[in-house]
Amino acid sequence: MRHSRFIRSTPLIAGLLLTGLLFAILVVSLNAAESDSRYDVSKEVTISGTVSSVLYKPAPGMIWGSHLMVETVSGRLDASLGRFGLERKDALPVTPGQQIELTGVMKTVHDKEVFVVRSIKANGKTYTLRNEHGIEVSPQARERAAGKGVTL
């Protein structure tokens, strides 16, 4: 009986996939351990400030997603908007020099303070970026909610 090359390489491929999966689980658990990933709505605060810069992609050492650097009365603040904050047609219309109001929770990630934004008030309109559990609200979910008359 003749064996094909595919059958002989199957254990190798399965081993590589399993190794990759274990590595991914390890990386995710280490990242979760490094930051308190739970969003505690009872610790939410509202901060006002002036946008000093808009970062569509994170700088090295920042958490994933877009960020606003905001000047407040207490100093400069790194405000994390998540993956969807500055994407798509309903992206936040923020520019440097603009006054905004942020609602969210301060976290320590990679030994740096970051303000995890749940909602932003800009130009007289409130934009919801995360739900009350801190989970990012996608543009598609915002569109579906708007179609049903629900405010996120």
Protein backbone atom coordinates (compact mmCIF):
# COMPACT_ATOMS: atom_id res chain seq x y z
CA MET A 1 0.00 0.00 0.00
CA ARG A 2 1.31 3.42 -0.92
CA HIS A 3 1.38 6.32 1.58
CA SER A 4 1.05 9.86 0.41
CA ARG A 5 3.22 12.72 1.58
CA PHE A 6 0.18 14.40 3.12
CA ILE A 7 -0.46 11.55 5.54
CA ARG A 8 3.17 11.53 6.71
CA SER A 9 3.22 15.31 7.27
CA THR A 10 -0.08 15.42 9.15
CA PRO A 11 1.48 14.81 12.61
CA LEU A 12 4.04 17.55 11.93
CA ILE A 13 1.34 20.04 10.92
CA ALA A 14 -0.83 19.08 13.91
CA GLY A 15 2.16 19.53 16.23
CA LEU A 16 2.93 22.97 14.80
CA LEU A 17 -0.70 24.05 15.13
CA LEU A 18 -0.87 22.82 18.72
CA THR A 19 2.38 24.62 19.58
CA GLY A 20 1.05 27.84 18.04
CA LEU A 21 -2.21 27.53 19.95
CA LEU A 22 -0.42 26.96 23.27
CA PHE A 23 1.83 29.96 22.59
CA ALA A 24 -1.21 32.16 21.82
CA ILE A 25 -2.93 31.07 25.05
CA LEU A 26 0.22 31.85 27.03
CA VAL A 27 0.59 35.32 25.48
CA VAL A 28 -3.07 36.20 26.07
CA SER A 29 -2.95 35.03 29.69
CA LEU A 30 0.26 36.98 30.35
CA ASN A 31 -1.29 40.14 28.88
CA ALA A 32 -4.41 39.65 30.98
CA ALA A 33 -2.32 39.14 34.10
CA GLU A 34 -0.29 42.27 33.38
CA SER A 35 -3.36 44.49 33.36
CA ASP A 36 -6.56 44.27 35.33
CA SER A 37 -8.68 43.48 32.30
CA ARG A 38 -11.97 43.88 34.16
CA TYR A 39 -13.80 47.10 33.47
CA ASP A 40 -15.41 48.27 36.71
CA VAL A 41 -18.20 50.73 35.88
CA SER A 42 -18.35 51.79 39.54
CA LYS A 43 -14.87 53.33 39.11
CA GLU A 44 -15.84 55.44 36.09
CA VAL A 45 -14.96 59.10 36.10
CA THR A 46 -15.59 61.94 33.68
CA ILE A 47 -12.64 64.09 32.61
CA SER A 48 -12.61 67.23 30.49
CA GLY A 49 -9.65 68.38 28.46
CA THR A 50 -8.17 69.54 25.19
CA VAL A 51 -7.04 67.10 22.52
CA SER A 52 -3.31 67.59 21.95
CA SER A 53 -2.83 64.77 19.43
CA VAL A 54 -4.75 62.01 17.67
CA LEU A 55 -3.02 58.64 17.25
CA TYR A 56 -4.68 56.34 14.73
CA LYS A 57 -2.19 53.58 15.57
CA PRO A 58 -0.62 52.97 18.98
CA ALA A 59 2.96 54.01 19.63
CA PRO A 60 5.31 51.31 20.99
CA GLY A 61 4.33 50.38 24.55
CA MET A 62 0.69 51.48 24.18
CA ILE A 63 -2.28 49.15 24.21
CA TRP A 64 -3.82 48.27 20.87
CA GLY A 65 -6.15 50.67 19.09
CA SER A 66 -6.39 54.39 18.54
CA HIS A 67 -5.57 56.93 21.23
CA LEU A 68 -6.09 60.58 22.05
CA MET A 69 -3.52 62.50 24.01
CA VAL A 70 -5.53 64.94 26.12
CA GLU A 71 -4.32 67.88 28.20
CA THR A 72 -6.28 68.10 31.46
CA VAL A 73 -5.91 70.25 34.57
CA SER A 74 -3.98 67.32 36.11
CA GLY A 75 -1.61 66.87 33.16
CA ARG A 76 -1.38 64.87 29.94
CA LEU A 77 -3.65 61.84 29.62
CA ASP A 78 -3.39 58.83 27.27
CA ALA A 79 -7.00 58.03 26.34
CA SER A 80 -7.49 54.62 24.71
CA LEU A 81 -10.36 54.56 22.22
CA GLY A 82 -10.00 50.91 21.22
CA ARG A 83 -9.97 49.48 17.70
CA PHE A 84 -13.10 51.18 16.42
CA GLY A 85 -12.84 54.73 17.80
CA LEU A 86 -11.35 56.34 14.72
CA GLU A 87 -12.53 53.87 12.07
CA ARG A 88 -15.36 53.83 9.57
CA LYS A 89 -17.89 56.46 8.56
CA ASP A 90 -19.06 57.07 12.14
CA ALA A 91 -15.54 57.69 13.49
CA LEU A 92 -15.08 60.30 16.15
CA PRO A 93 -14.73 63.77 14.64
CA VAL A 94 -11.91 64.95 16.93
CA THR A 95 -9.00 67.21 16.09
CA PRO A 96 -6.11 68.69 18.08
CA GLY A 97 -7.18 71.76 20.03
CA GLN A 98 -10.74 70.53 20.49
CA GLN A 99 -12.42 70.45 23.91
CA ILE A 100 -13.85 67.01 24.82
CA GLU A 101 -15.33 65.20 27.78
CA LEU A 102 -14.26 61.57 28.40
CA THR A 103 -15.98 58.97 30.56
CA GLY A 104 -14.05 55.84 31.47
CA VAL A 105 -11.74 54.08 33.90
CA MET A 106 -8.05 54.66 34.61
CA LYS A 107 -5.96 51.47 34.25
CA THR A 108 -2.31 50.54 34.54
CA VAL A 109 -1.09 48.58 31.51
CA HIS A 110 2.57 47.69 30.97
CA ASP A 111 3.42 49.94 33.97
CA LYS A 112 1.79 52.95 32.25
CA GLU A 113 -1.40 54.78 33.14
CA VAL A 114 -4.05 54.70 30.42
CA PHE A 115 -7.61 56.01 30.50
CA VAL A 116 -9.91 53.37 28.96
CA VAL A 117 -12.64 55.45 27.35
CA ARG A 118 -16.23 54.24 27.36
CA SER A 119 -17.80 57.37 25.89
CA ILE A 120 -16.74 60.74 24.51
CA LYS A 121 -18.71 63.93 24.30
CA ALA A 122 -17.50 66.09 21.41
CA ASN A 123 -19.25 68.74 19.33
CA GLY A 124 -22.34 68.43 21.54
CA LYS A 125 -22.76 64.71 20.71
CA THR A 126 -21.95 61.64 22.81
CA TYR A 127 -20.14 58.73 21.14
CA THR A 128 -20.20 55.32 22.85
CA LEU A 129 -17.06 53.25 22.29
CA ARG A 130 -17.51 50.52 24.91
CA ASN A 131 -20.45 49.05 26.78
CA GLU A 132 -20.81 49.06 30.58
CA HIS A 133 -18.55 45.98 30.76
CA GLY A 134 -15.74 47.70 28.85
CA ILE A 135 -16.27 45.66 25.68
CA GLU A 136 -15.74 47.63 22.49
CA VAL A 137 -18.87 48.46 20.50
CA SER A 138 -18.26 47.85 16.81
CA PRO A 139 -19.49 50.25 14.11
CA GLN A 140 -21.88 47.53 12.92
CA ALA A 141 -23.42 47.22 16.40
CA ARG A 142 -23.82 51.01 16.59
CA GLU A 143 -25.57 50.99 13.17
CA ARG A 144 -27.93 48.16 14.23
CA ALA A 145 -28.76 49.94 17.50
CA ALA A 146 -29.37 53.24 15.69
CA GLY A 147 -31.72 51.44 13.26
CA LYS A 148 -33.72 50.12 16.20
CA GLY A 149 -33.75 53.49 17.97
CA VAL A 150 -31.45 52.28 20.77
CA THR A 151 -28.79 54.55 22.20
CA LEU A 152 -25.56 52.75 23.11
